[in-house]
PDB file of N, CA and C in Angstrom:
ATOM      1  N   MET A   1       6.362  92.851 176.899  1.00  0.00           N
ATOM      2  CA  MET A   1       5.995  93.163 178.266  1.00  0.00           C
ATOM      3  C   MET A   1       7.114  92.655 179.185  1.00  0.00           C
ATOM      4  N   THR A   2       7.568  93.515 180.075  1.00  0.00           N
ATOM      5  CA  THR A   2       8.608  93.130 181.023  1.00  0.00           C
ATOM      6  C   THR A   2       8.006  92.254 182.132  1.00  0.00           C
ATOM      7  N   LYS A   3       8.867  91.594 182.869  1.00  0.00           N
ATOM      8  CA  LYS A   3       8.403  90.761 183.990  1.00  0.00           C
ATOM      9  C   LYS A   3       7.660  91.606 185.023  1.00  0.00           C
ATOM     10  N   GLU A   4       8.147  92.818 185.272  1.00  0.00           N
ATOM     11  CA  GLU A   4       7.480  93.707 186.237  1.00  0.00           C
ATOM     12  C   GLU A   4       6.091  94.109 185.739  1.00  0.00           C
ATOM     13  N   GLU A   5       5.978  94.421 184.458  1.00  0.00           N
ATOM     14  CA  GLU A   5       4.675  94.778 183.888  1.00  0.00           C
ATOM     15  C   GLU A   5       3.721  93.583 183.950  1.00  0.00           C
ATOM     16  N   GLU A   6       4.249  92.387 183.682  1.00  0.00           N
ATOM     17  CA  GLU A   6       3.429  91.184 183.750  1.00  0.00           C
ATOM     18  C   GLU A   6       2.950  90.934 185.187  1.00  0.00           C
ATOM     19  N   LYS A   7       3.840  91.111 186.147  1.00  0.00           N
ATOM     20  CA  LYS A   7       3.458  90.941 187.555  1.00  0.00           C
ATOM     21  C   LYS A   7       2.360  91.934 187.943  1.00  0.00           C
ATOM     22  N   GLU A   8       2.501  93.180 187.509  1.00  0.00           N
ATOM     23  CA  GLU A   8       1.494  94.201 187.814  1.00  0.00           C
ATOM     24  C   GLU A   8       0.158  93.863 187.150  1.00  0.00           C
ATOM     25  N   THR A   9       0.201  93.352 185.925  1.00  0.00           N
ATOM     26  CA  THR A   9      -1.019  92.944 185.231  1.00  0.00           C
ATOM     27  C   THR A   9      -1.710  91.825 185.995  1.00  0.00           C
ATOM     28  N   ILE A  10      -0.943  90.861 186.484  1.00  0.00           N
ATOM     29  CA  ILE A  10      -1.514  89.749 187.246  1.00  0.00           C
ATOM     30  C   ILE A  10      -2.138  90.249 188.548  1.00  0.00           C
ATOM     31  N   VAL A  11      -1.504  91.214 189.195  1.00  0.00           N
ATOM     32  CA  VAL A  11      -2.081  91.813 190.404  1.00  0.00           C
ATOM     33  C   VAL A  11      -3.422  92.465 190.060  1.00  0.00           C
ATOM     34  N   GLN A  12      -3.478  93.193 188.957  1.00  0.00           N
ATOM     35  CA  GLN A  12      -4.713  93.844 188.533  1.00  0.00           C
ATOM     36  C   GLN A  12      -5.792  92.813 188.189  1.00  0.00           C
ATOM     37  N   ILE A  13      -5.393  91.725 187.532  1.00  0.00           N
ATOM     38  CA  ILE A  13      -6.338  90.661 187.190  1.00  0.00           C
ATOM     39  C   ILE A  13      -6.948  90.088 188.461  1.00  0.00           C
ATOM     40  N   ASN A  14      -6.096  89.737 189.420  1.00  0.00           N
ATOM     41  CA  ASN A  14      -6.593  89.154 190.671  1.00  0.00           C
ATOM     42  C   ASN A  14      -7.470  90.130 191.447  1.00  0.00           C
ATOM     43  N   HIS A  15      -7.111  91.399 191.435  1.00  0.00           N
ATOM     44  CA  HIS A  15      -7.928  92.418 192.101  1.00  0.00           C
ATOM     45  C   HIS A  15      -9.315  92.493 191.452  1.00  0.00           C
ATOM     46  N   THR A  16      -9.349  92.463 190.143  1.00  0.00           N
ATOM     47  CA  THR A  16     -10.622  92.529 189.424  1.00  0.00           C
ATOM     48  C   THR A  16     -11.439  91.259 189.663  1.00  0.00           C
ATOM     49  N   LEU A  17     -10.798  90.103 189.654  1.00  0.00           N
ATOM     50  CA  LEU A  17     -11.508  88.857 189.938  1.00  0.00           C
ATOM     51  C   LEU A  17     -12.103  88.886 191.338  1.00  0.00           C
ATOM     52  N   ASP A  18     -11.379  89.475 192.294  1.00  0.00           N
ATOM     53  CA  ASP A  18     -11.905  89.586 193.654  1.00  0.00           C
ATOM     54  C   ASP A  18     -13.205  90.390 193.677  1.00  0.00           C
ATOM     55  N   LYS A  19     -13.290  91.417 192.827  1.00  0.00           N
ATOM     56  CA  LYS A  19     -14.507  92.232 192.770  1.00  0.00           C
ATOM     57  C   LYS A  19     -15.674  91.467 192.146  1.00  0.00           C
ATOM     58  N   LEU A  20     -15.379  90.476 191.294  1.00  0.00           N
ATOM     59  CA  LEU A  20     -16.435  89.713 190.610  1.00  0.00           C
ATOM     60  C   LEU A  20     -16.915  88.509 191.405  1.00  0.00           C
ATOM     61  N   ARG A  21     -16.129  88.084 192.356  1.00  0.00           N
ATOM     62  CA  ARG A  21     -16.410  86.837 193.079  1.00  0.00           C
ATOM     63  C   ARG A  21     -17.806  86.787 193.702  1.00  0.00           C
ATOM     64  N   HIS A  22     -18.255  87.888 194.254  1.00  0.00           N
ATOM     65  CA  HIS A  22     -19.557  87.842 194.949  1.00  0.00           C
ATOM     66  C   HIS A  22     -20.698  87.447 194.017  1.00  0.00           C
ATOM     67  N   PHE A  23     -20.596  87.767 192.737  1.00  0.00           N
ATOM     68  CA  PHE A  23     -21.636  87.367 191.785  1.00  0.00           C
ATOM     69  C   PHE A  23     -21.692  85.846 191.660  1.00  0.00           C
ATOM     70  N   LEU A  24     -20.529  85.214 191.662  1.00  0.00           N
ATOM     71  CA  LEU A  24     -20.451  83.759 191.531  1.00  0.00           C
ATOM     72  C   LEU A  24     -20.721  83.062 192.862  1.00  0.00           C
ATOM     73  N   GLN A  25     -20.210  83.638 193.935  1.00  0.00           N
ATOM     74  CA  GLN A  25     -20.351  83.018 195.250  1.00  0.00           C
ATOM     75  C   GLN A  25     -21.786  83.000 195.747  1.00  0.00           C
ATOM     76  N   ARG A  26     -22.586  83.944 195.312  1.00  0.00           N
ATOM     77  CA  ARG A  26     -23.984  83.940 195.765  1.00  0.00           C
ATOM     78  C   ARG A  26     -24.739  82.723 195.242  1.00  0.00           C
ATOM     79  N   ASP A  27     -24.199  82.090 194.192  1.00  0.00           N
ATOM     80  CA  ASP A  27     -24.790  80.860 193.660  1.00  0.00           C
ATOM     81  C   ASP A  27     -23.960  79.632 194.021  1.00  0.00           C
ATOM     82  N   GLY A  28     -22.999  79.794 194.937  1.00  0.00           N
ATOM     83  CA  GLY A  28     -22.202  78.664 195.394  1.00  0.00           C
ATOM     84  C   GLY A  28     -20.982  78.362 194.561  1.00  0.00           C
ATOM     85  N   GLY A  29     -20.608  79.268 193.676  1.00  0.00           N
ATOM     86  CA  GLY A  29     -19.458  79.038 192.816  1.00  0.00           C
ATOM     87  C   GLY A  29     -18.332  80.015 193.088  1.00  0.00           C
ATOM     88  N   ASP A  30     -17.311  79.944 192.265  1.00  0.00           N
ATOM     89  CA  ASP A  30     -16.178  80.856 192.376  1.00  0.00           C
ATOM     90  C   ASP A  30     -15.329  80.737 191.113  1.00  0.00           C
ATOM     91  N   VAL A  31     -14.346  81.604 191.008  1.00  0.00           N
ATOM     92  CA  VAL A  31     -13.402  81.584 189.905  1.00  0.00           C
ATOM     93  C   VAL A  31     -11.999  81.593 190.495  1.00  0.00           C
ATOM     94  N   GLU A  32     -11.089  80.856 189.856  1.00  0.00           N
ATOM     95  CA  GLU A  32      -9.712  80.805 190.305  1.00  0.00           C
ATOM     96  C   GLU A  32      -8.793  81.182 189.150  1.00  0.00           C
ATOM     97  N   PHE A  33      -7.914  82.162 189.376  1.00  0.00           N
ATOM     98  CA  PHE A  33      -6.916  82.553 188.395  1.00  0.00           C
ATOM     99  C   PHE A  33      -5.884  81.448 188.279  1.00  0.00           C
ATOM    100  N   ILE A  34      -5.544  81.066 187.051  1.00  0.00           N
ATOM    101  CA  ILE A  34      -4.518  80.048 186.817  1.00  0.00           C
ATOM    102  C   ILE A  34      -3.263  80.680 186.229  1.00  0.00           C
ATOM    103  N   SER A  35      -3.411  81.436 185.141  1.00  0.00           N
ATOM    104  CA  SER A  35      -2.225  82.049 184.536  1.00  0.00           C
ATOM    105  C   SER A  35      -2.627  83.149 183.562  1.00  0.00           C
ATOM    106  N   TYR A  36      -1.604  83.899 183.162  1.00  0.00           N
ATOM    107  CA  TYR A  36      -1.773  84.976 182.178  1.00  0.00           C
ATOM    108  C   TYR A  36      -0.651  84.828 181.173  1.00  0.00           C
ATOM    109  N   GLU A  37      -1.012  84.774 179.892  1.00  0.00           N
ATOM    110  CA  GLU A  37      -0.017  84.548 178.852  1.00  0.00           C
ATOM    111  C   GLU A  37      -0.466  85.195 177.546  1.00  0.00           C
ATOM    112  N   ASP A  38       0.353  86.073 177.014  1.00  0.00           N
ATOM    113  CA  ASP A  38       0.072  86.706 175.717  1.00  0.00           C
ATOM    114  C   ASP A  38      -1.315  87.335 175.638  1.00  0.00           C
ATOM    115  N   GLY A  39      -1.730  88.008 176.707  1.00  0.00           N
ATOM    116  CA  GLY A  39      -3.010  88.691 176.726  1.00  0.00           C
ATOM    117  C   GLY A  39      -4.188  87.821 177.116  1.00  0.00           C
ATOM    118  N   ILE A  40      -3.945  86.534 177.308  1.00  0.00           N
ATOM    119  CA  ILE A  40      -5.024  85.602 177.629  1.00  0.00           C
ATOM    120  C   ILE A  40      -4.954  85.228 179.104  1.00  0.00           C
ATOM    121  N   VAL A  41      -6.085  85.370 179.787  1.00  0.00           N
ATOM    122  CA  VAL A  41      -6.210  84.986 181.184  1.00  0.00           C
ATOM    123  C   VAL A  41      -6.847  83.601 181.221  1.00  0.00           C
ATOM    124  N   TYR A  42      -6.207  82.689 181.952  1.00  0.00           N
ATOM    125  CA  TYR A  42      -6.733  81.336 182.111  1.00  0.00           C
ATOM    126  C   TYR A  42      -7.278  81.193 183.525  1.00  0.00           C
ATOM    127  N   VAL A  43      -8.494  80.694 183.624  1.00  0.00           N
ATOM    128  CA  VAL A  43      -9.165  80.525 184.918  1.00  0.00           C
ATOM    129  C   VAL A  43      -9.799  79.144 184.988  1.00  0.00           C
ATOM    130  N   THR A  44     -10.168  78.765 186.214  1.00  0.00           N
ATOM    131  CA  THR A  44     -11.034  77.607 186.409  1.00  0.00           C
ATOM    132  C   THR A  44     -12.239  78.080 187.192  1.00  0.00           C
ATOM    133  N   MET A  45     -13.327  77.415 186.979  1.00  0.00           N
ATOM    134  CA  MET A  45     -14.535  77.689 187.737  1.00  0.00           C
ATOM    135  C   MET A  45     -14.622  76.608 188.808  1.00  0.00           C
ATOM    136  N   THR A  46     -14.974  77.006 190.029  1.00  0.00           N
ATOM    137  CA  THR A  46     -15.017  76.069 191.134  1.00  0.00           C
ATOM    138  C   THR A  46     -16.393  76.075 191.792  1.00  0.00           C
ATOM    139  N   GLY A  47     -16.575  75.164 192.740  1.00  0.00           N
ATOM    140  CA  GLY A  47     -17.852  75.073 193.433  1.00  0.00           C
ATOM    141  C   GLY A  47     -18.969  74.721 192.473  1.00  0.00           C
ATOM    142  N   ALA A  48     -20.119  75.331 192.671  1.00  0.00           N
ATOM    143  CA  ALA A  48     -21.284  75.054 191.828  1.00  0.00           C
ATOM    144  C   ALA A  48     -21.037  75.419 190.365  1.00  0.00           C
ATOM    145  N   CYS A  49     -20.116  76.351 190.116  1.00  0.00           N
ATOM    146  CA  CYS A  49     -19.828  76.772 188.737  1.00  0.00           C
ATOM    147  C   CYS A  49     -19.029  75.732 187.966  1.00  0.00           C
ATOM    148  N   GLN A  50     -18.351  74.854 188.683  1.00  0.00           N
ATOM    149  CA  GLN A  50     -17.464  73.884 188.053  1.00  0.00           C
ATOM    150  C   GLN A  50     -18.183  73.017 187.027  1.00  0.00           C
ATOM    151  N   ASP A  51     -19.357  72.550 187.361  1.00  0.00           N
ATOM    152  CA  ASP A  51     -20.088  71.654 186.472  1.00  0.00           C
ATOM    153  C   ASP A  51     -21.307  72.307 185.831  1.00  0.00           C
ATOM    154  N   CYS A  52     -21.439  73.602 186.002  1.00  0.00           N
ATOM    155  CA  CYS A  52     -22.606  74.307 185.479  1.00  0.00           C
ATOM    156  C   CYS A  52     -22.485  74.500 183.969  1.00  0.00           C
ATOM    157  N   PHE A  53     -23.556  74.229 183.265  1.00  0.00           N
ATOM    158  CA  PHE A  53     -23.549  74.404 181.815  1.00  0.00           C
ATOM    159  C   PHE A  53     -23.460  75.878 181.412  1.00  0.00           C
ATOM    160  N   LEU A  54     -23.699  76.781 182.344  1.00  0.00           N
ATOM    161  CA  LEU A  54     -23.598  78.219 182.056  1.00  0.00           C
ATOM    162  C   LEU A  54     -22.222  78.799 182.397  1.00  0.00           C
ATOM    163  N   ALA A  55     -21.292  77.976 182.854  1.00  0.00           N
ATOM    164  CA  ALA A  55     -19.973  78.472 183.260  1.00  0.00           C
ATOM    165  C   ALA A  55     -19.265  79.206 182.133  1.00  0.00           C
ATOM    166  N   ILE A  56     -19.323  78.684 180.937  1.00  0.00           N
ATOM    167  CA  ILE A  56     -18.636  79.345 179.817  1.00  0.00           C
ATOM    168  C   ILE A  56     -19.270  80.702 179.533  1.00  0.00           C
ATOM    169  N   ASP A  57     -20.587  80.827 179.756  1.00  0.00           N
ATOM    170  CA  ASP A  57     -21.248  82.124 179.597  1.00  0.00           C
ATOM    171  C   ASP A  57     -20.736  83.116 180.638  1.00  0.00           C
ATOM    172  N   ASP A  58     -20.572  82.653 181.882  1.00  0.00           N
ATOM    173  CA  ASP A  58     -20.018  83.520 182.925  1.00  0.00           C
ATOM    174  C   ASP A  58     -18.605  83.957 182.571  1.00  0.00           C
ATOM    175  N   VAL A  59     -17.819  83.027 182.040  1.00  0.00           N
ATOM    176  CA  VAL A  59     -16.439  83.357 181.672  1.00  0.00           C
ATOM    177  C   VAL A  59     -16.428  84.415 180.578  1.00  0.00           C
ATOM    178  N   LYS A  60     -17.193  84.214 179.549  1.00  0.00           N
ATOM    179  CA  LYS A  60     -17.157  85.127 178.393  1.00  0.00           C
ATOM    180  C   LYS A  60     -17.944  86.419 178.622  1.00  0.00           C
ATOM    181  N   GLU A  61     -19.130  86.325 179.202  1.00  0.00           N
ATOM    182  CA  GLU A  61     -19.996  87.500 179.312  1.00  0.00           C
ATOM    183  C   GLU A  61     -19.741  88.336 180.556  1.00  0.00           C
ATOM    184  N   LEU A  62     -19.226  87.738 181.597  1.00  0.00           N
ATOM    185  CA  LEU A  62     -18.970  88.479 182.834  1.00  0.00           C
ATOM    186  C   LEU A  62     -17.473  88.713 183.019  1.00  0.00           C
ATOM    187  N   ILE A  63     -16.735  87.652 183.201  1.00  0.00           N
ATOM    188  CA  ILE A  63     -15.320  87.771 183.555  1.00  0.00           C
ATOM    189  C   ILE A  63     -14.508  88.409 182.432  1.00  0.00           C
ATOM    190  N   GLU A  64     -14.644  87.913 181.209  1.00  0.00           N
ATOM    191  CA  GLU A  64     -13.875  88.459 180.099  1.00  0.00           C
ATOM    192  C   GLU A  64     -14.209  89.928 179.849  1.00  0.00           C
ATOM    193  N   THR A  65     -15.471  90.250 179.836  1.00  0.00           N
ATOM    194  CA  THR A  65     -15.890  91.628 179.571  1.00  0.00           C
ATOM    195  C   THR A  65     -15.313  92.593 180.599  1.00  0.00           C
ATOM    196  N   ILE A  66     -15.427  92.258 181.873  1.00  0.00           N
ATOM    197  CA  ILE A  66     -14.937  93.148 182.926  1.00  0.00           C
ATOM    198  C   ILE A  66     -13.414  93.235 182.904  1.00  0.00           C
ATOM    199  N   LEU A  67     -12.735  92.098 182.742  1.00  0.00           N
ATOM    200  CA  LEU A  67     -11.267  92.145 182.699  1.00  0.00           C
ATOM    201  C   LEU A  67     -10.766  92.977 181.520  1.00  0.00           C
ATOM    202  N   GLN A  68     -11.401  92.848 180.372  1.00  0.00           N
ATOM    203  CA  GLN A  68     -10.994  93.645 179.214  1.00  0.00           C
ATOM    204  C   GLN A  68     -11.189  95.139 179.470  1.00  0.00           C
ATOM    205  N   GLU A  69     -12.228  95.484 180.200  1.00  0.00           N
ATOM    206  CA  GLU A  69     -12.489  96.887 180.509  1.00  0.00           C
ATOM    207  C   GLU A  69     -11.532  97.441 181.553  1.00  0.00           C
ATOM    208  N   GLU A  70     -11.133  96.619 182.524  1.00  0.00           N
ATOM    209  CA  GLU A  70     -10.391  97.130 183.672  1.00  0.00           C
ATOM    210  C   GLU A  70      -8.890  96.855 183.652  1.00  0.00           C
ATOM    211  N   VAL A  71      -8.437  95.896 182.841  1.00  0.00           N
ATOM    212  CA  VAL A  71      -7.018  95.540 182.857  1.00  0.00           C
ATOM    213  C   VAL A  71      -6.452  95.663 181.445  1.00  0.00           C
ATOM    214  N   SER A  72      -5.564  96.606 181.287  1.00  0.00           N
ATOM    215  CA  SER A  72      -4.931  96.829 179.997  1.00  0.00           C
ATOM    216  C   SER A  72      -4.152  95.589 179.566  1.00  0.00           C
ATOM    217  N   GLY A  73      -4.331  95.194 178.328  1.00  0.00           N
ATOM    218  CA  GLY A  73      -3.586  94.059 177.787  1.00  0.00           C
ATOM    219  C   GLY A  73      -4.350  92.755 177.764  1.00  0.00           C
ATOM    220  N   VAL A  74      -5.456  92.668 178.507  1.00  0.00           N
ATOM    221  CA  VAL A  74      -6.246  91.433 178.497  1.00  0.00           C
ATOM    222  C   VAL A  74      -7.080  91.409 177.219  1.00  0.00           C
ATOM    223  N   THR A  75      -6.888  90.363 176.433  1.00  0.00           N
ATOM    224  CA  THR A  75      -7.618  90.232 175.173  1.00  0.00           C
ATOM    225  C   THR A  75      -8.686  89.156 175.201  1.00  0.00           C
ATOM    226  N   GLU A  76      -8.500  88.178 176.112  1.00  0.00           N
ATOM    227  CA  GLU A  76      -9.436  87.051 176.144  1.00  0.00           C
ATOM    228  C   GLU A  76      -9.322  86.353 177.498  1.00  0.00           C
ATOM    229  N   VAL A  77     -10.390  85.654 177.874  1.00  0.00           N
ATOM    230  CA  VAL A  77     -10.377  84.798 179.057  1.00  0.00           C
ATOM    231  C   VAL A  77     -10.825  83.411 178.613  1.00  0.00           C
ATOM    232  N   ARG A  78     -10.059  82.409 179.027  1.00  0.00           N
ATOM    233  CA  ARG A  78     -10.370  81.023 178.665  1.00  0.00           C
ATOM    234  C   ARG A  78     -10.381  80.149 179.916  1.00  0.00           C
ATOM    235  N   LEU A  79     -11.159  79.075 179.845  1.00  0.00           N
ATOM    236  CA  LEU A  79     -11.081  78.054 180.878  1.00  0.00           C
ATOM    237  C   LEU A  79      -9.771  77.296 180.679  1.00  0.00           C
ATOM    238  N   ALA A  80      -9.041  77.106 181.759  1.00  0.00           N
ATOM    239  CA  ALA A  80      -7.751  76.422 181.687  1.00  0.00           C
ATOM    240  C   ALA A  80      -7.957  74.923 181.534  1.00  0.00           C
ATOM    241  N   ASP A  81      -7.108  74.308 180.716  1.00  0.00           N
ATOM    242  CA  ASP A  81      -7.152  72.854 180.594  1.00  0.00           C
ATOM    243  C   ASP A  81      -6.323  72.213 181.707  1.00  0.00           C
ATOM    244  N   TYR A  82      -6.443  70.920 181.845  1.00  0.00           N
ATOM    245  CA  TYR A  82      -5.802  70.192 182.929  1.00  0.00           C
ATOM    246  C   TYR A  82      -4.281  70.411 182.949  1.00  0.00           C
ATOM    247  N   ASP A  83      -3.629  70.355 181.803  1.00  0.00           N
ATOM    248  CA  ASP A  83      -2.171  70.515 181.762  1.00  0.00           C
ATOM    249  C   ASP A  83      -1.739  71.898 182.238  1.00  0.00           C
ATOM    250  N   ARG A  84      -2.479  72.922 181.888  1.00  0.00           N
ATOM    251  CA  ARG A  84      -2.152  74.283 182.324  1.00  0.00           C
ATOM    252  C   ARG A  84      -2.343  74.424 183.837  1.00  0.00           C
ATOM    253  N   ILE A  85      -3.407  73.837 184.354  1.00  0.00           N
ATOM    254  CA  ILE A  85      -3.656  73.876 185.799  1.00  0.00           C
ATOM    255  C   ILE A  85      -2.530  73.149 186.535  1.00  0.00           C
ATOM    256  N   LYS A  86      -2.191  71.977 186.042  1.00  0.00           N
ATOM    257  CA  LYS A  86      -1.139  71.167 186.651  1.00  0.00           C
ATOM    258  C   LYS A  86       0.187  71.942 186.698  1.00  0.00           C
ATOM    259  N   LYS A  87       0.527  72.578 185.599  1.00  0.00           N
ATOM    260  CA  LYS A  87       1.776  73.351 185.531  1.00  0.00           C
ATOM    261  C   LYS A  87       1.728  74.544 186.492  1.00  0.00           C
ATOM    262  N   ALA A  88       0.617  75.271 186.495  1.00  0.00           N
ATOM    263  CA  ALA A  88       0.493  76.466 187.331  1.00  0.00           C
ATOM    264  C   ALA A  88       0.569  76.125 188.814  1.00  0.00           C
ATOM    265  N   LYS A  89       0.062  74.970 189.182  1.00  0.00           N
ATOM    266  CA  LYS A  89       0.044  74.579 190.591  1.00  0.00           C
ATOM    267  C   LYS A  89       1.286  73.784 190.990  1.00  0.00           C
ATOM    268  N   GLY A  90       2.156  73.515 190.014  1.00  0.00           N
ATOM    269  CA  GLY A  90       3.395  72.814 190.320  1.00  0.00           C
ATOM    270  C   GLY A  90       3.221  71.320 190.557  1.00  0.00           C
ATOM    271  N   PHE A  91       2.139  70.733 190.047  1.00  0.00           N
ATOM    272  CA  PHE A  91       1.934  69.295 190.202  1.00  0.00           C
ATOM    273  C   PHE A  91       2.895  68.558 189.286  1.00  0.00           C
ATOM    274  N   THR A  92       3.489  67.515 189.781  1.00  0.00           N
ATOM    275  CA  THR A  92       4.405  66.718 188.972  1.00  0.00           C
ATOM    276  C   THR A  92       3.812  65.379 188.582  1.00  0.00           C
ATOM    277  N   GLU A  93       2.694  65.012 189.209  1.00  0.00           N
ATOM    278  CA  GLU A  93       2.024  63.752 188.913  1.00  0.00           C
ATOM    279  C   GLU A  93       0.577  64.029 188.549  1.00  0.00           C
ATOM    280  N   ASP A  94      -0.020  63.083 187.849  1.00  0.00           N
ATOM    281  CA  ASP A  94      -1.449  63.199 187.584  1.00  0.00           C
ATOM    282  C   ASP A  94      -2.202  63.044 188.904  1.00  0.00           C
ATOM    283  N   ILE A  95      -3.186  63.896 189.119  1.00  0.00           N
ATOM    284  CA  ILE A  95      -3.940  63.831 190.370  1.00  0.00           C
ATOM    285  C   ILE A  95      -5.302  63.168 190.180  1.00  0.00           C
ATOM    286  N   TYR A  96      -5.628  62.844 188.962  1.00  0.00           N
ATOM    287  CA  TYR A  96      -6.919  62.206 188.701  1.00  0.00           C
ATOM    288  C   TYR A  96      -6.699  60.777 188.289  1.00  0.00           C
TER     289      TYR A  96
END
C-alpha cells in the first residue's frame, strides 16, 4: 500500500467512525482513532465507554464489523495499548 493509499484509507476510517459515534455518544462514550497498520485499526474508547465492561463488544461487534464492510483493507479493530497511544500522540514522557 502506498502512502497515498494509506492516507485515503485513514480518511475513510475516520469518516466511518464519525458515522458510528452517535451510537456511543448517546450512552456518554466515544471512540478515538489511534492508528492504522497492516489492516488493523487501533482505537481507544473514551468517556463512559472507557471503563465499560462491554467496550470490547462494541469494538468487535459494532466498530470492526462496520469498518470491515465500509473500508477496503481493514481486517481487524483492536483497542490500542498505552505505548501505541503514546507514540500516535507524540508523547515523549509517561503521562501516568
